[in-house]
Amino acid sequence: MDTSISILFLTALTIGVTHVILGPDHYLPFIVLSKAGKWSLTKTMLITMICGVGHVIGSVVLGFLGVLLSMNLQRLEIIESIRGDWAGWLLTFFGFVYLV
C-alpha cells in the first residue's frame, strides 16, 4: 500500500473511532434497544453495523452533493441541520411508537 494511502486510512480510522467514542448518541440507542428487546450480541452488532454504514454513506453522499453542486459552506450547514432535525424527530417518533 502506498504511504499516503496508509496515512489517509489511519487518519480516517482515528477520526471515525474518536467520533463514535465522543458521541454517546451513536451507540447508546443500540445498547438500550438491545437490552429492551433482549437481542443477541450478533443481532445487536449486525443492526449497529448496518446503521453505521448507512450513517457513513449518508455523510459521503451529502459531501459529494456539496462538491458536485458547488454549494458554499453556509448552504451545506443548512441542509445538514435540517437532516439532523429530521433524524431527531424520526428517532423521537420511533421511541414513542416503541414505548406504546
N, C-alpha and C. Protein backbone atom coordinates (compact mmCIF):
# COMPACT_ATOMS: atom_id res chain seq x y z
N MET A 1 0.84 -1.18 0.00
CA MET A 1 0.00 0.00 0.00
C MET A 1 0.88 1.24 0.00
N ASP A 2 0.48 2.23 -0.75
CA ASP A 2 1.21 3.49 -0.83
C ASP A 2 1.20 4.18 0.54
N THR A 3 2.26 4.88 0.88
CA THR A 3 2.37 5.55 2.18
C THR A 3 1.26 6.56 2.38
N SER A 4 0.93 7.33 1.36
CA SER A 4 -0.13 8.35 1.50
C SER A 4 -1.48 7.69 1.74
N ILE A 5 -1.73 6.55 1.11
CA ILE A 5 -2.99 5.84 1.33
C ILE A 5 -3.04 5.30 2.76
N SER A 6 -1.92 4.79 3.25
CA SER A 6 -1.85 4.28 4.62
C SER A 6 -2.13 5.39 5.63
N ILE A 7 -1.53 6.55 5.40
CA ILE A 7 -1.75 7.69 6.30
C ILE A 7 -3.20 8.15 6.24
N LEU A 8 -3.77 8.21 5.05
CA LEU A 8 -5.17 8.59 4.89
C LEU A 8 -6.09 7.60 5.61
N PHE A 9 -5.81 6.31 5.44
CA PHE A 9 -6.62 5.27 6.08
C PHE A 9 -6.55 5.38 7.61
N LEU A 10 -5.34 5.51 8.15
CA LEU A 10 -5.18 5.61 9.60
C LEU A 10 -5.81 6.88 10.15
N THR A 11 -5.72 7.96 9.41
CA THR A 11 -6.35 9.21 9.84
C THR A 11 -7.86 9.08 9.86
N ALA A 12 -8.43 8.51 8.80
CA ALA A 12 -9.88 8.31 8.75
C ALA A 12 -10.34 7.38 9.87
N LEU A 13 -9.58 6.32 10.11
CA LEU A 13 -9.92 5.37 11.18
C LEU A 13 -9.89 6.06 12.54
N THR A 14 -8.86 6.84 12.79
CA THR A 14 -8.73 7.55 14.07
C THR A 14 -9.86 8.55 14.26
N ILE A 15 -10.17 9.30 13.23
CA ILE A 15 -11.27 10.28 13.33
C ILE A 15 -12.60 9.56 13.54
N GLY A 16 -12.82 8.47 12.82
CA GLY A 16 -14.07 7.71 12.97
C GLY A 16 -14.25 7.14 14.36
N VAL A 17 -13.20 6.53 14.90
CA VAL A 17 -13.28 5.95 16.25
C VAL A 17 -13.48 7.05 17.28
N THR A 18 -12.75 8.14 17.16
CA THR A 18 -12.91 9.27 18.09
C THR A 18 -14.32 9.85 18.01
N HIS A 19 -14.84 9.97 16.79
CA HIS A 19 -16.19 10.48 16.56
C HIS A 19 -17.23 9.64 17.31
N VAL A 20 -17.08 8.33 17.25
CA VAL A 20 -18.04 7.44 17.91
C VAL A 20 -17.87 7.47 19.42
N ILE A 21 -16.64 7.40 19.90
CA ILE A 21 -16.39 7.37 21.34
C ILE A 21 -16.88 8.65 22.02
N LEU A 22 -16.68 9.78 21.38
CA LEU A 22 -17.08 11.06 21.98
C LEU A 22 -18.56 11.37 21.79
N GLY A 23 -19.27 10.56 21.02
CA GLY A 23 -20.69 10.81 20.78
C GLY A 23 -21.55 9.65 21.25
N PRO A 24 -21.96 9.65 22.52
CA PRO A 24 -22.76 8.52 23.02
C PRO A 24 -24.09 8.36 22.27
N ASP A 25 -24.53 9.40 21.57
CA ASP A 25 -25.75 9.26 20.77
C ASP A 25 -25.53 8.32 19.60
N HIS A 26 -24.29 7.90 19.35
CA HIS A 26 -24.00 6.98 18.26
C HIS A 26 -24.09 5.52 18.70
N TYR A 27 -23.98 5.25 19.99
CA TYR A 27 -24.02 3.86 20.44
C TYR A 27 -25.03 3.58 21.54
N LEU A 28 -25.39 4.56 22.33
CA LEU A 28 -26.31 4.34 23.44
C LEU A 28 -27.69 3.84 22.99
N PRO A 29 -28.29 4.37 21.92
CA PRO A 29 -29.59 3.85 21.49
C PRO A 29 -29.55 2.35 21.15
N PHE A 30 -28.44 1.90 20.59
CA PHE A 30 -28.34 0.48 20.25
C PHE A 30 -28.21 -0.39 21.51
N ILE A 31 -27.52 0.12 22.50
CA ILE A 31 -27.40 -0.61 23.76
C ILE A 31 -28.76 -0.73 24.42
N VAL A 32 -29.50 0.38 24.47
CA VAL A 32 -30.82 0.38 25.11
C VAL A 32 -31.80 -0.52 24.36
N LEU A 33 -31.85 -0.40 23.03
CA LEU A 33 -32.74 -1.25 22.24
C LEU A 33 -32.37 -2.72 22.38
N SER A 34 -31.09 -3.00 22.44
CA SER A 34 -30.63 -4.38 22.59
C SER A 34 -31.08 -4.97 23.92
N LYS A 35 -30.94 -4.20 24.97
CA LYS A 35 -31.36 -4.68 26.30
C LYS A 35 -32.88 -4.83 26.37
N ALA A 36 -33.59 -3.82 25.84
CA ALA A 36 -35.06 -3.85 25.90
C ALA A 36 -35.63 -4.99 25.06
N GLY A 37 -35.04 -5.24 23.91
CA GLY A 37 -35.53 -6.27 23.02
C GLY A 37 -34.90 -7.64 23.25
N LYS A 38 -33.98 -7.71 24.25
CA LYS A 38 -33.28 -8.96 24.55
C LYS A 38 -32.63 -9.54 23.29
N TRP A 39 -31.95 -8.66 22.55
CA TRP A 39 -31.27 -9.08 21.33
C TRP A 39 -30.01 -9.84 21.68
N SER A 40 -29.62 -10.72 20.79
CA SER A 40 -28.33 -11.40 20.94
C SER A 40 -27.23 -10.41 20.56
N LEU A 41 -26.01 -10.76 20.95
CA LEU A 41 -24.88 -9.90 20.60
C LEU A 41 -24.73 -9.82 19.09
N THR A 42 -24.96 -10.94 18.41
CA THR A 42 -24.84 -10.96 16.95
C THR A 42 -25.85 -10.02 16.30
N LYS A 43 -27.11 -10.07 16.76
CA LYS A 43 -28.14 -9.19 16.20
C LYS A 43 -27.82 -7.73 16.49
N THR A 44 -27.38 -7.45 17.71
CA THR A 44 -27.03 -6.08 18.08
C THR A 44 -25.91 -5.55 17.20
N MET A 45 -24.87 -6.36 17.02
CA MET A 45 -23.73 -5.93 16.20
C MET A 45 -24.15 -5.75 14.74
N LEU A 46 -24.99 -6.63 14.22
CA LEU A 46 -25.42 -6.54 12.83
C LEU A 46 -26.23 -5.27 12.59
N ILE A 47 -27.20 -5.02 13.45
CA ILE A 47 -28.05 -3.83 13.30
C ILE A 47 -27.21 -2.55 13.47
N THR A 48 -26.31 -2.56 14.45
CA THR A 48 -25.44 -1.40 14.66
C THR A 48 -24.55 -1.16 13.44
N MET A 49 -24.02 -2.25 12.88
CA MET A 49 -23.16 -2.11 11.70
C MET A 49 -23.94 -1.57 10.50
N ILE A 50 -25.13 -2.08 10.29
CA ILE A 50 -25.96 -1.61 9.17
C ILE A 50 -26.26 -0.12 9.33
N CYS A 51 -26.63 0.29 10.54
CA CYS A 51 -26.92 1.70 10.77
C CYS A 51 -25.67 2.56 10.64
N GLY A 52 -24.53 2.05 11.08
CA GLY A 52 -23.27 2.77 10.94
C GLY A 52 -22.90 2.97 9.49
N VAL A 53 -23.07 1.93 8.69
CA VAL A 53 -22.77 2.03 7.27
C VAL A 53 -23.72 3.05 6.62
N GLY A 54 -24.99 3.01 7.01
CA GLY A 54 -25.95 3.99 6.49
C GLY A 54 -25.55 5.42 6.87
N HIS A 55 -25.07 5.59 8.10
CA HIS A 55 -24.63 6.90 8.58
C HIS A 55 -23.46 7.41 7.74
N VAL A 56 -22.50 6.54 7.51
CA VAL A 56 -21.33 6.93 6.72
C VAL A 56 -21.72 7.23 5.27
N ILE A 57 -22.54 6.36 4.68
CA ILE A 57 -22.96 6.57 3.29
C ILE A 57 -23.73 7.88 3.15
N GLY A 58 -24.62 8.16 4.11
CA GLY A 58 -25.37 9.41 4.08
C GLY A 58 -24.44 10.62 4.14
N SER A 59 -23.43 10.56 4.99
CA SER A 59 -22.48 11.66 5.09
C SER A 59 -21.66 11.82 3.81
N VAL A 60 -21.24 10.70 3.24
CA VAL A 60 -20.46 10.74 2.00
C VAL A 60 -21.30 11.30 0.85
N VAL A 61 -22.55 10.87 0.76
CA VAL A 61 -23.44 11.36 -0.30
C VAL A 61 -23.64 12.87 -0.16
N LEU A 62 -23.86 13.33 1.07
CA LEU A 62 -24.00 14.78 1.28
C LEU A 62 -22.73 15.52 0.88
N GLY A 63 -21.58 14.94 1.20
CA GLY A 63 -20.32 15.55 0.80
C GLY A 63 -20.17 15.64 -0.71
N PHE A 64 -20.49 14.54 -1.39
CA PHE A 64 -20.42 14.54 -2.85
C PHE A 64 -21.41 15.53 -3.46
N LEU A 65 -22.61 15.58 -2.89
CA LEU A 65 -23.58 16.55 -3.39
C LEU A 65 -23.06 17.97 -3.24
N GLY A 66 -22.44 18.25 -2.10
CA GLY A 66 -21.88 19.58 -1.87
C GLY A 66 -20.81 19.92 -2.88
N VAL A 67 -19.96 18.94 -3.20
CA VAL A 67 -18.90 19.19 -4.17
C VAL A 67 -19.48 19.30 -5.58
N LEU A 68 -20.35 18.36 -5.94
CA LEU A 68 -20.90 18.36 -7.29
C LEU A 68 -21.75 19.59 -7.59
N LEU A 69 -22.48 20.04 -6.64
CA LEU A 69 -23.35 21.20 -6.85
C LEU A 69 -22.65 22.51 -6.50
N SER A 70 -21.39 22.42 -6.13
CA SER A 70 -20.59 23.60 -5.77
C SER A 70 -21.30 24.48 -4.74
N MET A 71 -21.85 23.84 -3.72
CA MET A 71 -22.55 24.59 -2.69
C MET A 71 -21.53 25.23 -1.76
N ASN A 72 -21.86 26.40 -1.26
CA ASN A 72 -20.97 27.01 -0.29
C ASN A 72 -21.24 26.41 1.09
N LEU A 73 -20.35 26.65 2.02
CA LEU A 73 -20.42 26.04 3.34
C LEU A 73 -21.71 26.39 4.08
N GLN A 74 -22.19 27.60 3.93
CA GLN A 74 -23.39 28.02 4.64
C GLN A 74 -24.61 27.20 4.18
N ARG A 75 -24.75 26.98 2.89
CA ARG A 75 -25.88 26.19 2.38
C ARG A 75 -25.78 24.75 2.85
N LEU A 76 -24.56 24.20 2.87
CA LEU A 76 -24.37 22.83 3.31
C LEU A 76 -24.72 22.68 4.79
N GLU A 77 -24.39 23.69 5.59
CA GLU A 77 -24.73 23.66 7.01
C GLU A 77 -26.25 23.68 7.20
N ILE A 78 -26.96 24.43 6.37
CA ILE A 78 -28.42 24.47 6.46
C ILE A 78 -29.00 23.09 6.17
N ILE A 79 -28.53 22.46 5.10
CA ILE A 79 -29.00 21.11 4.75
C ILE A 79 -28.68 20.13 5.88
N GLU A 80 -27.48 20.22 6.40
CA GLU A 80 -27.06 19.31 7.47
C GLU A 80 -27.92 19.50 8.72
N SER A 81 -28.26 20.75 9.06
CA SER A 81 -29.08 20.98 10.24
C SER A 81 -30.51 20.47 10.02
N ILE A 82 -31.02 20.62 8.81
CA ILE A 82 -32.36 20.10 8.50
C ILE A 82 -32.35 18.58 8.60
N ARG A 83 -31.30 17.95 8.05
CA ARG A 83 -31.18 16.50 8.12
C ARG A 83 -31.10 16.05 9.58
N GLY A 84 -30.35 16.80 10.38
CA GLY A 84 -30.23 16.47 11.80
C GLY A 84 -31.56 16.62 12.52
N ASP A 85 -32.31 17.67 12.19
CA ASP A 85 -33.64 17.85 12.80
C ASP A 85 -34.57 16.70 12.44
N TRP A 86 -34.57 16.33 11.17
CA TRP A 86 -35.43 15.22 10.74
C TRP A 86 -35.03 13.93 11.45
N ALA A 87 -33.74 13.69 11.56
CA ALA A 87 -33.27 12.48 12.23
C ALA A 87 -33.71 12.48 13.69
N GLY A 88 -33.60 13.63 14.34
CA GLY A 88 -34.03 13.73 15.73
C GLY A 88 -35.52 13.46 15.90
N TRP A 89 -36.33 14.06 15.04
CA TRP A 89 -37.77 13.84 15.12
C TRP A 89 -38.14 12.39 14.80
N LEU A 90 -37.48 11.81 13.82
CA LEU A 90 -37.76 10.40 13.50
C LEU A 90 -37.37 9.48 14.64
N LEU A 91 -36.23 9.75 15.29
CA LEU A 91 -35.84 8.94 16.43
C LEU A 91 -36.82 9.11 17.60
N THR A 92 -37.27 10.34 17.82
CA THR A 92 -38.27 10.58 18.87
C THR A 92 -39.56 9.84 18.56
N PHE A 93 -40.02 9.92 17.31
CA PHE A 93 -41.24 9.22 16.90
C PHE A 93 -41.06 7.71 17.06
N PHE A 94 -39.92 7.17 16.63
CA PHE A 94 -39.66 5.74 16.76
C PHE A 94 -39.68 5.34 18.23
N GLY A 95 -39.06 6.15 19.09
CA GLY A 95 -39.05 5.85 20.52
C GLY A 95 -40.46 5.87 21.10
N PHE A 96 -41.28 6.82 20.68
CA PHE A 96 -42.66 6.90 21.17
C PHE A 96 -43.46 5.68 20.72
N VAL A 97 -43.32 5.32 19.43
CA VAL A 97 -44.03 4.14 18.91
C VAL A 97 -43.57 2.89 19.64
N TYR A 98 -42.27 2.78 19.89
CA TYR A 98 -41.72 1.63 20.61
C TYR A 98 -42.26 1.59 22.04
N LEU A 99 -42.40 2.77 22.67
CA LEU A 99 -42.95 2.85 24.02
C LEU A 99 -44.39 2.37 24.06
N VAL A 100 -45.17 2.79 23.06
CA VAL A 100 -46.58 2.41 23.01
C VAL A 100 -46.69 0.92 22.77
